[in-house]
Amino acid sequence: MIALALLALVQTAPTEDEIVVIGRRFAALSATIGRDARGSYTCGLSGTSGNVRLDGALCKAATKCVRKGAADSAQVAACIDKRKPALLAAFRRSLGRKP
């Protein structure tokens, strides 16, 4: 049973080429932050990097930018563009690869 779980983990880990593709997609993403009727923040991405966890980290970073005062789309874009390299490096480290 444990061997099967480990095999599944190994098979689902992206290859280096897949990480490069994810990184390119991630670099092209933009985020739109809004608020719903209850006042909770919402996040919409222009697409996907191909990794749900990385996309979620981008939404979290974009929401933090808005909470810290980024008021228009240009300010949000500038703020998240600053964070993207660190988010991508953290993603690579989570896979056991060098940034």
PDB file of N, CA and C in Angstrom:
ATOM      1  N   MET A   1       0.817  -1.182   0.000  1.00  0.00           N
ATOM      2  CA  MET A   1       0.000   0.000   0.000  1.00  0.00           C
ATOM      3  C   MET A   1       0.870   1.260   0.000  1.00  0.00           C
ATOM      4  N   ILE A   2       1.878   1.309   0.857  1.00  0.00           N
ATOM      5  CA  ILE A   2       2.759   2.471   0.930  1.00  0.00           C
ATOM      6  C   ILE A   2       3.530   2.621  -0.379  1.00  0.00           C
ATOM      7  N   ALA A   3       3.953   1.512  -0.954  1.00  0.00           N
ATOM      8  CA  ALA A   3       4.686   1.567  -2.213  1.00  0.00           C
ATOM      9  C   ALA A   3       3.821   2.171  -3.318  1.00  0.00           C
ATOM     10  N   LEU A   4       2.546   1.823  -3.339  1.00  0.00           N
ATOM     11  CA  LEU A   4       1.644   2.393  -4.343  1.00  0.00           C
ATOM     12  C   LEU A   4       1.474   3.892  -4.154  1.00  0.00           C
ATOM     13  N   ALA A   5       1.372   4.321  -2.904  1.00  0.00           N
ATOM     14  CA  ALA A   5       1.236   5.751  -2.620  1.00  0.00           C
ATOM     15  C   ALA A   5       2.489   6.506  -3.059  1.00  0.00           C
ATOM     16  N   LEU A   6       3.659   5.942  -2.784  1.00  0.00           N
ATOM     17  CA  LEU A   6       4.912   6.576  -3.202  1.00  0.00           C
ATOM     18  C   LEU A   6       5.028   6.610  -4.718  1.00  0.00           C
ATOM     19  N   LEU A   7       4.621   5.538  -5.371  1.00  0.00           N
ATOM     20  CA  LEU A   7       4.660   5.501  -6.823  1.00  0.00           C
ATOM     21  C   LEU A   7       3.744   6.572  -7.416  1.00  0.00           C
ATOM     22  N   ALA A   8       2.578   6.758  -6.830  1.00  0.00           N
ATOM     23  CA  ALA A   8       1.649   7.786  -7.293  1.00  0.00           C
ATOM     24  C   ALA A   8       2.252   9.171  -7.132  1.00  0.00           C
ATOM     25  N   LEU A   9       2.943   9.398  -6.018  1.00  0.00           N
ATOM     26  CA  LEU A   9       3.596  10.691  -5.788  1.00  0.00           C
ATOM     27  C   LEU A   9       4.661  10.961  -6.840  1.00  0.00           C
ATOM     28  N   VAL A  10       5.469   9.969  -7.121  1.00  0.00           N
ATOM     29  CA  VAL A  10       6.548  10.130  -8.091  1.00  0.00           C
ATOM     30  C   VAL A  10       5.965  10.406  -9.475  1.00  0.00           C
ATOM     31  N   GLN A  11       4.908   9.732  -9.837  1.00  0.00           N
ATOM     32  CA  GLN A  11       4.332   9.891 -11.149  1.00  0.00           C
ATOM     33  C   GLN A  11       3.619  11.230 -11.319  1.00  0.00           C
ATOM     34  N   THR A  12       3.136  11.823 -10.253  1.00  0.00           N
ATOM     35  CA  THR A  12       2.407  13.076 -10.380  1.00  0.00           C
ATOM     36  C   THR A  12       3.314  14.304 -10.276  1.00  0.00           C
ATOM     37  N   ALA A  13       4.546  14.131  -9.859  1.00  0.00           N
ATOM     38  CA  ALA A  13       5.462  15.272  -9.762  1.00  0.00           C
ATOM     39  C   ALA A  13       5.811  15.741 -11.170  1.00  0.00           C
ATOM     40  N   PRO A  14       5.695  17.048 -11.430  1.00  0.00           N
ATOM     41  CA  PRO A  14       5.991  17.545 -12.776  1.00  0.00           C
ATOM     42  C   PRO A  14       7.466  17.387 -13.117  1.00  0.00           C
ATOM     43  N   THR A  15       7.726  17.143 -14.383  1.00  0.00           N
ATOM     44  CA  THR A  15       9.101  17.067 -14.864  1.00  0.00           C
ATOM     45  C   THR A  15       9.655  18.484 -14.970  1.00  0.00           C
ATOM     46  N   GLU A  16      10.945  18.577 -15.221  1.00  0.00           N
ATOM     47  CA  GLU A  16      11.574  19.896 -15.360  1.00  0.00           C
ATOM     48  C   GLU A  16      10.963  20.660 -16.535  1.00  0.00           C
ATOM     49  N   ASP A  17      10.693  19.961 -17.635  1.00  0.00           N
ATOM     50  CA  ASP A  17      10.064  20.617 -18.789  1.00  0.00           C
ATOM     51  C   ASP A  17       8.673  21.131 -18.433  1.00  0.00           C
ATOM     52  N   GLU A  18       7.912  20.351 -17.684  1.00  0.00           N
ATOM     53  CA  GLU A  18       6.580  20.779 -17.271  1.00  0.00           C
ATOM     54  C   GLU A  18       6.655  21.990 -16.352  1.00  0.00           C
ATOM     55  N   ILE A  19       7.670  22.034 -15.500  1.00  0.00           N
ATOM     56  CA  ILE A  19       7.854  23.183 -14.607  1.00  0.00           C
ATOM     57  C   ILE A  19       8.151  24.440 -15.410  1.00  0.00           C
ATOM     58  N   VAL A  20       8.919  24.308 -16.468  1.00  0.00           N
ATOM     59  CA  VAL A  20       9.211  25.457 -17.334  1.00  0.00           C
ATOM     60  C   VAL A  20       7.922  25.970 -17.974  1.00  0.00           C
ATOM     61  N   VAL A  21       7.091  25.057 -18.443  1.00  0.00           N
ATOM     62  CA  VAL A  21       5.810  25.450 -19.055  1.00  0.00           C
ATOM     63  C   VAL A  21       4.916  26.119 -18.012  1.00  0.00           C
ATOM     64  N   ILE A  22       4.844  25.533 -16.822  1.00  0.00           N
ATOM     65  CA  ILE A  22       4.054  26.125 -15.735  1.00  0.00           C
ATOM     66  C   ILE A  22       4.570  27.531 -15.435  1.00  0.00           C
ATOM     67  N   GLY A  23       5.883  27.690 -15.386  1.00  0.00           N
ATOM     68  CA  GLY A  23       6.484  29.004 -15.112  1.00  0.00           C
ATOM     69  C   GLY A  23       6.127  30.032 -16.174  1.00  0.00           C
ATOM     70  N   ARG A  24       6.125  29.625 -17.421  1.00  0.00           N
ATOM     71  CA  ARG A  24       5.771  30.561 -18.510  1.00  0.00           C
ATOM     72  C   ARG A  24       4.301  30.959 -18.425  1.00  0.00           C
ATOM     73  N   ARG A  25       3.451  29.981 -18.181  1.00  0.00           N
ATOM     74  CA  ARG A  25       2.026  30.293 -18.040  1.00  0.00           C
ATOM     75  C   ARG A  25       1.800  31.215 -16.845  1.00  0.00           C
ATOM     76  N   PHE A  26       2.487  30.900 -15.749  1.00  0.00           N
ATOM     77  CA  PHE A  26       2.359  31.684 -14.523  1.00  0.00           C
ATOM     78  C   PHE A  26       2.771  33.132 -14.751  1.00  0.00           C
ATOM     79  N   ALA A  27       3.861  33.337 -15.476  1.00  0.00           N
ATOM     80  CA  ALA A  27       4.357  34.691 -15.739  1.00  0.00           C
ATOM     81  C   ALA A  27       3.347  35.525 -16.516  1.00  0.00           C
ATOM     82  N   ALA A  28       2.524  34.881 -17.336  1.00  0.00           N
ATOM     83  CA  ALA A  28       1.561  35.596 -18.164  1.00  0.00           C
ATOM     84  C   ALA A  28       0.232  35.867 -17.460  1.00  0.00           C
ATOM     85  N   LEU A  29       0.034  35.309 -16.278  1.00  0.00           N
ATOM     86  CA  LEU A  29      -1.249  35.456 -15.586  1.00  0.00           C
ATOM     87  C   LEU A  29      -1.430  36.849 -14.993  1.00  0.00           C
ATOM     88  N   SER A  30      -2.682  37.276 -14.988  1.00  0.00           N
ATOM     89  CA  SER A  30      -3.057  38.486 -14.268  1.00  0.00           C
ATOM     90  C   SER A  30      -4.227  38.131 -13.352  1.00  0.00           C
ATOM     91  N   ALA A  31      -4.414  38.925 -12.331  1.00  0.00           N
ATOM     92  CA  ALA A  31      -5.470  38.654 -11.347  1.00  0.00           C
ATOM     93  C   ALA A  31      -6.387  39.857 -11.227  1.00  0.00           C
ATOM     94  N   THR A  32      -7.648  39.562 -11.003  1.00  0.00           N
ATOM     95  CA  THR A  32      -8.643  40.593 -10.740  1.00  0.00           C
ATOM     96  C   THR A  32      -9.234  40.312  -9.365  1.00  0.00           C
ATOM     97  N   ILE A  33      -9.165  41.302  -8.494  1.00  0.00           N
ATOM     98  CA  ILE A  33      -9.663  41.141  -7.126  1.00  0.00           C
ATOM     99  C   ILE A  33     -10.927  41.973  -6.970  1.00  0.00           C
ATOM    100  N   GLY A  34     -11.913  41.401  -6.338  1.00  0.00           N
ATOM    101  CA  GLY A  34     -13.166  42.098  -6.079  1.00  0.00           C
ATOM    102  C   GLY A  34     -13.687  41.723  -4.703  1.00  0.00           C
ATOM    103  N   ARG A  35     -14.904  42.149  -4.434  1.00  0.00           N
ATOM    104  CA  ARG A  35     -15.572  41.796  -3.175  1.00  0.00           C
ATOM    105  C   ARG A  35     -16.969  41.297  -3.483  1.00  0.00           C
ATOM    106  N   ASP A  36     -17.381  40.269  -2.756  1.00  0.00           N
ATOM    107  CA  ASP A  36     -18.735  39.770  -2.953  1.00  0.00           C
ATOM    108  C   ASP A  36     -19.709  40.535  -2.061  1.00  0.00           C
ATOM    109  N   ALA A  37     -20.968  40.138  -2.067  1.00  0.00           N
ATOM    110  CA  ALA A  37     -22.009  40.844  -1.313  1.00  0.00           C
ATOM    111  C   ALA A  37     -21.741  40.866   0.186  1.00  0.00           C
ATOM    112  N   ARG A  38     -21.015  39.882   0.677  1.00  0.00           N
ATOM    113  CA  ARG A  38     -20.705  39.822   2.121  1.00  0.00           C
ATOM    114  C   ARG A  38     -19.422  40.563   2.468  1.00  0.00           C
ATOM    115  N   GLY A  39     -18.747  41.095   1.464  1.00  0.00           N
ATOM    116  CA  GLY A  39     -17.510  41.828   1.717  1.00  0.00           C
ATOM    117  C   GLY A  39     -16.253  40.980   1.652  1.00  0.00           C
ATOM    118  N   SER A  40     -16.402  39.698   1.349  1.00  0.00           N
ATOM    119  CA  SER A  40     -15.240  38.820   1.220  1.00  0.00           C
ATOM    120  C   SER A  40     -14.543  39.075  -0.112  1.00  0.00           C
ATOM    121  N   TYR A  41     -13.227  38.970  -0.095  1.00  0.00           N
ATOM    122  CA  TYR A  41     -12.469  39.164  -1.325  1.00  0.00           C
ATOM    123  C   TYR A  41     -12.671  37.981  -2.258  1.00  0.00           C
ATOM    124  N   THR A  42     -12.730  38.288  -3.552  1.00  0.00           N
ATOM    125  CA  THR A  42     -12.788  37.262  -4.587  1.00  0.00           C
ATOM    126  C   THR A  42     -11.618  37.476  -5.525  1.00  0.00           C
ATOM    127  N   CYS A  43     -11.195  36.422  -6.164  1.00  0.00           N
ATOM    128  CA  CYS A  43     -10.053  36.507  -7.070  1.00  0.00           C
ATOM    129  C   CYS A  43     -10.390  35.756  -8.344  1.00  0.00           C
ATOM    130  N   GLY A  44     -10.093  36.400  -9.452  1.00  0.00           N
ATOM    131  CA  GLY A  44     -10.227  35.754 -10.750  1.00  0.00           C
ATOM    132  C   GLY A  44      -8.909  35.867 -11.489  1.00  0.00           C
ATOM    133  N   LEU A  45      -8.472  34.764 -12.068  1.00  0.00           N
ATOM    134  CA  LEU A  45      -7.232  34.772 -12.841  1.00  0.00           C
ATOM    135  C   LEU A  45      -7.553  34.779 -14.327  1.00  0.00           C
ATOM    136  N   SER A  46      -6.671  35.345 -15.113  1.00  0.00           N
ATOM    137  CA  SER A  46      -6.858  35.418 -16.559  1.00  0.00           C
ATOM    138  C   SER A  46      -6.719  34.061 -17.223  1.00  0.00           C
ATOM    139  N   GLY A  47      -6.217  33.092 -16.497  1.00  0.00           N
ATOM    140  CA  GLY A  47      -6.008  31.741 -17.000  1.00  0.00           C
ATOM    141  C   GLY A  47      -5.516  30.881 -15.866  1.00  0.00           C
ATOM    142  N   THR A  48      -4.743  29.871 -16.196  1.00  0.00           N
ATOM    143  CA  THR A  48      -4.161  29.013 -15.160  1.00  0.00           C
ATOM    144  C   THR A  48      -2.722  28.690 -15.519  1.00  0.00           C
ATOM    145  N   SER A  49      -1.933  28.503 -14.491  1.00  0.00           N
ATOM    146  CA  SER A  49      -0.546  28.092 -14.693  1.00  0.00           C
ATOM    147  C   SER A  49      -0.475  26.603 -15.001  1.00  0.00           C
ATOM    148  N   GLY A  50      -1.524  25.893 -14.635  1.00  0.00           N
ATOM    149  CA  GLY A  50      -1.525  24.436 -14.758  1.00  0.00           C
ATOM    150  C   GLY A  50      -1.327  23.771 -13.413  1.00  0.00           C
ATOM    151  N   ASN A  51      -1.152  24.587 -12.370  1.00  0.00           N
ATOM    152  CA  ASN A  51      -0.993  24.057 -11.019  1.00  0.00           C
ATOM    153  C   ASN A  51      -1.920  24.830 -10.083  1.00  0.00           C
ATOM    154  N   VAL A  52      -2.855  24.115  -9.492  1.00  0.00           N
ATOM    155  CA  VAL A  52      -3.865  24.736  -8.634  1.00  0.00           C
ATOM    156  C   VAL A  52      -3.233  25.439  -7.441  1.00  0.00           C
ATOM    157  N   ARG A  53      -2.244  24.826  -6.856  1.00  0.00           N
ATOM    158  CA  ARG A  53      -1.594  25.410  -5.675  1.00  0.00           C
ATOM    159  C   ARG A  53      -0.892  26.727  -6.014  1.00  0.00           C
ATOM    160  N   LEU A  54      -0.231  26.757  -7.144  1.00  0.00           N
ATOM    161  CA  LEU A  54       0.460  27.975  -7.569  1.00  0.00           C
ATOM    162  C   LEU A  54      -0.549  29.071  -7.922  1.00  0.00           C
ATOM    163  N   ASP A  55      -1.628  28.692  -8.579  1.00  0.00           N
ATOM    164  CA  ASP A  55      -2.685  29.658  -8.894  1.00  0.00           C
ATOM    165  C   ASP A  55      -3.284  30.236  -7.608  1.00  0.00           C
ATOM    166  N   GLY A  56      -3.501  29.382  -6.623  1.00  0.00           N
ATOM    167  CA  GLY A  56      -4.025  29.838  -5.334  1.00  0.00           C
ATOM    168  C   GLY A  56      -3.082  30.799  -4.637  1.00  0.00           C
ATOM    169  N   ALA A  57      -1.787  30.518  -4.723  1.00  0.00           N
ATOM    170  CA  ALA A  57      -0.792  31.407  -4.114  1.00  0.00           C
ATOM    171  C   ALA A  57      -0.804  32.777  -4.789  1.00  0.00           C
ATOM    172  N   LEU A  58      -1.025  32.795  -6.114  1.00  0.00           N
ATOM    173  CA  LEU A  58      -1.098  34.063  -6.824  1.00  0.00           C
ATOM    174  C   LEU A  58      -2.321  34.861  -6.387  1.00  0.00           C
ATOM    175  N   CYS A  59      -3.461  34.181  -6.243  1.00  0.00           N
ATOM    176  CA  CYS A  59      -4.671  34.876  -5.776  1.00  0.00           C
ATOM    177  C   CYS A  59      -4.468  35.429  -4.363  1.00  0.00           C
ATOM    178  N   LYS A  60      -3.826  34.643  -3.527  1.00  0.00           N
ATOM    179  CA  LYS A  60      -3.571  35.095  -2.157  1.00  0.00           C
ATOM    180  C   LYS A  60      -2.662  36.333  -2.161  1.00  0.00           C
ATOM    181  N   ALA A  61      -1.634  36.314  -2.994  1.00  0.00           N
ATOM    182  CA  ALA A  61      -0.720  37.455  -3.090  1.00  0.00           C
ATOM    183  C   ALA A  61      -1.435  38.683  -3.650  1.00  0.00           C
ATOM    184  N   ALA A  62      -2.272  38.486  -4.663  1.00  0.00           N
ATOM    185  CA  ALA A  62      -3.003  39.609  -5.251  1.00  0.00           C
ATOM    186  C   ALA A  62      -3.975  40.215  -4.244  1.00  0.00           C
ATOM    187  N   THR A  63      -4.640  39.366  -3.480  1.00  0.00           N
ATOM    188  CA  THR A  63      -5.559  39.857  -2.446  1.00  0.00           C
ATOM    189  C   THR A  63      -4.802  40.654  -1.394  1.00  0.00           C
ATOM    190  N   LYS A  64      -3.630  40.173  -1.036  1.00  0.00           N
ATOM    191  CA  LYS A  64      -2.802  40.892  -0.059  1.00  0.00           C
ATOM    192  C   LYS A  64      -2.391  42.258  -0.612  1.00  0.00           C
ATOM    193  N   CYS A  65      -2.096  42.327  -1.898  1.00  0.00           N
ATOM    194  CA  CYS A  65      -1.744  43.606  -2.528  1.00  0.00           C
ATOM    195  C   CYS A  65      -2.892  44.604  -2.376  1.00  0.00           C
ATOM    196  N   VAL A  66      -4.112  44.144  -2.632  1.00  0.00           N
ATOM    197  CA  VAL A  66      -5.280  45.025  -2.529  1.00  0.00           C
ATOM    198  C   VAL A  66      -5.493  45.455  -1.084  1.00  0.00           C
ATOM    199  N   ARG A  67      -5.356  44.520  -0.160  1.00  0.00           N
ATOM    200  CA  ARG A  67      -5.519  44.862   1.260  1.00  0.00           C
ATOM    201  C   ARG A  67      -4.495  45.886   1.725  1.00  0.00           C
ATOM    202  N   LYS A  68      -3.319  45.869   1.097  1.00  0.00           N
ATOM    203  CA  LYS A  68      -2.260  46.808   1.480  1.00  0.00           C
ATOM    204  C   LYS A  68      -2.358  48.130   0.729  1.00  0.00           C
ATOM    205  N   GLY A  69      -3.385  48.280  -0.144  1.00  0.00           N
ATOM    206  CA  GLY A  69      -3.598  49.581  -0.750  1.00  0.00           C
ATOM    207  C   GLY A  69      -3.527  49.677  -2.254  1.00  0.00           C
ATOM    208  N   ALA A  70      -3.208  48.601  -2.960  1.00  0.00           N
ATOM    209  CA  ALA A  70      -3.219  48.664  -4.422  1.00  0.00           C
ATOM    210  C   ALA A  70      -4.660  48.910  -4.861  1.00  0.00           C
ATOM    211  N   ALA A  71      -4.904  50.058  -5.493  1.00  0.00           N
ATOM    212  CA  ALA A  71      -6.283  50.483  -5.746  1.00  0.00           C
ATOM    213  C   ALA A  71      -6.776  50.219  -7.162  1.00  0.00           C
ATOM    214  N   ASP A  72      -5.897  50.236  -8.141  1.00  0.00           N
ATOM    215  CA  ASP A  72      -6.362  50.005  -9.510  1.00  0.00           C
ATOM    216  C   ASP A  72      -5.618  48.823 -10.120  1.00  0.00           C
ATOM    217  N   SER A  73      -6.033  48.437 -11.314  1.00  0.00           N
ATOM    218  CA  SER A  73      -5.473  47.236 -11.933  1.00  0.00           C
ATOM    219  C   SER A  73      -3.971  47.362 -12.192  1.00  0.00           C
ATOM    220  N   ALA A  74      -3.502  48.549 -12.509  1.00  0.00           N
ATOM    221  CA  ALA A  74      -2.072  48.741 -12.750  1.00  0.00           C
ATOM    222  C   ALA A  74      -1.269  48.537 -11.466  1.00  0.00           C
ATOM    223  N   GLN A  75      -1.787  49.045 -10.353  1.00  0.00           N
ATOM    224  CA  GLN A  75      -1.101  48.863  -9.073  1.00  0.00           C
ATOM    225  C   GLN A  75      -1.115  47.401  -8.639  1.00  0.00           C
ATOM    226  N   VAL A  76      -2.234  46.719  -8.840  1.00  0.00           N
ATOM    227  CA  VAL A  76      -2.313  45.294  -8.498  1.00  0.00           C
ATOM    228  C   VAL A  76      -1.331  44.509  -9.358  1.00  0.00           C
ATOM    229  N   ALA A  77      -1.303  44.800 -10.655  1.00  0.00           N
ATOM    230  CA  ALA A  77      -0.397  44.104 -11.566  1.00  0.00           C
ATOM    231  C   ALA A  77       1.061  44.307 -11.161  1.00  0.00           C
ATOM    232  N   ALA A  78       1.428  45.538 -10.836  1.00  0.00           N
ATOM    233  CA  ALA A  78       2.804  45.823 -10.419  1.00  0.00           C
ATOM    234  C   ALA A  78       3.149  45.083  -9.136  1.00  0.00           C
ATOM    235  N   CYS A  79       2.209  45.065  -8.212  1.00  0.00           N
ATOM    236  CA  CYS A  79       2.431  44.394  -6.932  1.00  0.00           C
ATOM    237  C   CYS A  79       2.616  42.891  -7.121  1.00  0.00           C
ATOM    238  N   ILE A  80       1.752  42.252  -7.907  1.00  0.00           N
ATOM    239  CA  ILE A  80       1.884  40.795  -8.056  1.00  0.00           C
ATOM    240  C   ILE A  80       3.070  40.437  -8.947  1.00  0.00           C
ATOM    241  N   ASP A  81       3.420  41.305  -9.892  1.00  0.00           N
ATOM    242  CA  ASP A  81       4.606  41.030 -10.704  1.00  0.00           C
ATOM    243  C   ASP A  81       5.859  40.993  -9.841  1.00  0.00           C
ATOM    244  N   LYS A  82       5.890  41.793  -8.778  1.00  0.00           N
ATOM    245  CA  LYS A  82       7.008  41.756  -7.827  1.00  0.00           C
ATOM    246  C   LYS A  82       7.050  40.433  -7.076  1.00  0.00           C
ATOM    247  N   ARG A  83       5.882  39.862  -6.790  1.00  0.00           N
ATOM    248  CA  ARG A  83       5.776  38.635  -5.984  1.00  0.00           C
ATOM    249  C   ARG A  83       5.956  37.356  -6.798  1.00  0.00           C
ATOM    250  N   LYS A  84       5.724  37.416  -8.098  1.00  0.00           N
ATOM    251  CA  LYS A  84       5.756  36.204  -8.920  1.00  0.00           C
ATOM    252  C   LYS A  84       7.069  35.414  -8.826  1.00  0.00           C
ATOM    253  N   PRO A  85       8.236  36.054  -8.889  1.00  0.00           N
ATOM    254  CA  PRO A  85       9.465  35.256  -8.795  1.00  0.00           C
ATOM    255  C   PRO A  85       9.570  34.473  -7.485  1.00  0.00           C
ATOM    256  N   ALA A  86       9.197  35.088  -6.382  1.00  0.00           N
ATOM    257  CA  ALA A  86       9.266  34.400  -5.092  1.00  0.00           C
ATOM    258  C   ALA A  86       8.245  33.267  -5.022  1.00  0.00           C
ATOM    259  N   LEU A  87       7.053  33.492  -5.570  1.00  0.00           N
ATOM    260  CA  LEU A  87       6.034  32.445  -5.575  1.00  0.00           C
ATOM    261  C   LEU A  87       6.479  31.256  -6.416  1.00  0.00           C
ATOM    262  N   LEU A  88       7.070  31.521  -7.572  1.00  0.00           N
ATOM    263  CA  LEU A  88       7.543  30.450  -8.431  1.00  0.00           C
ATOM    264  C   LEU A  88       8.709  29.704  -7.789  1.00  0.00           C
ATOM    265  N   ALA A  89       9.601  30.435  -7.132  1.00  0.00           N
ATOM    266  CA  ALA A  89      10.725  29.792  -6.437  1.00  0.00           C
ATOM    267  C   ALA A  89      10.224  28.899  -5.307  1.00  0.00           C
ATOM    268  N   ALA A  90       9.224  29.358  -4.562  1.00  0.00           N
ATOM    269  CA  ALA A  90       8.654  28.542  -3.488  1.00  0.00           C
ATOM    270  C   ALA A  90       8.001  27.286  -4.056  1.00  0.00           C
ATOM    271  N   PHE A  91       7.341  27.418  -5.191  1.00  0.00           N
ATOM    272  CA  PHE A  91       6.732  26.268  -5.853  1.00  0.00           C
ATOM    273  C   PHE A  91       7.801  25.242  -6.225  1.00  0.00           C
ATOM    274  N   ARG A  92       8.877  25.710  -6.829  1.00  0.00           N
ATOM    275  CA  ARG A  92       9.971  24.792  -7.219  1.00  0.00           C
ATOM    276  C   ARG A  92      10.576  24.119  -5.989  1.00  0.00           C
ATOM    277  N   ARG A  93      10.760  24.874  -4.917  1.00  0.00           N
ATOM    278  CA  ARG A  93      11.310  24.277  -3.688  1.00  0.00           C
ATOM    279  C   ARG A  93      10.364  23.223  -3.130  1.00  0.00           C
ATOM    280  N   SER A  94       9.062  23.473  -3.231  1.00  0.00           N
ATOM    281  CA  SER A  94       8.096  22.494  -2.721  1.00  0.00           C
ATOM    282  C   SER A  94       8.165  21.184  -3.477  1.00  0.00           C
ATOM    283  N   LEU A  95       8.714  21.228  -4.686  1.00  0.00           N
ATOM    284  CA  LEU A  95       8.876  20.018  -5.491  1.00  0.00           C
ATOM    285  C   LEU A  95      10.265  19.411  -5.298  1.00  0.00           C
ATOM    286  N   GLY A  96      11.081  20.050  -4.451  1.00  0.00           N
ATOM    287  CA  GLY A  96      12.424  19.552  -4.202  1.00  0.00           C
ATOM    288  C   GLY A  96      13.421  19.942  -5.265  1.00  0.00           C
ATOM    289  N   ARG A  97      13.127  21.025  -5.971  1.00  0.00           N
ATOM    290  CA  ARG A  97      14.023  21.482  -7.035  1.00  0.00           C
ATOM    291  C   ARG A  97      14.582  22.847  -6.685  1.00  0.00           C
ATOM    292  N   LYS A  98      15.741  23.156  -7.267  1.00  0.00           N
ATOM    293  CA  LYS A  98      16.356  24.461  -7.018  1.00  0.00           C
ATOM    294  C   LYS A  98      15.555  25.549  -7.716  1.00  0.00           C
ATOM    295  N   PRO A  99      15.461  26.759  -7.091  1.00  0.00           N
ATOM    296  CA  PRO A  99      14.705  27.877  -7.699  1.00  0.00           C
ATOM    297  C   PRO A  99      15.266  28.368  -8.997  1.00  0.00           C
TER     298      PRO A  99
END
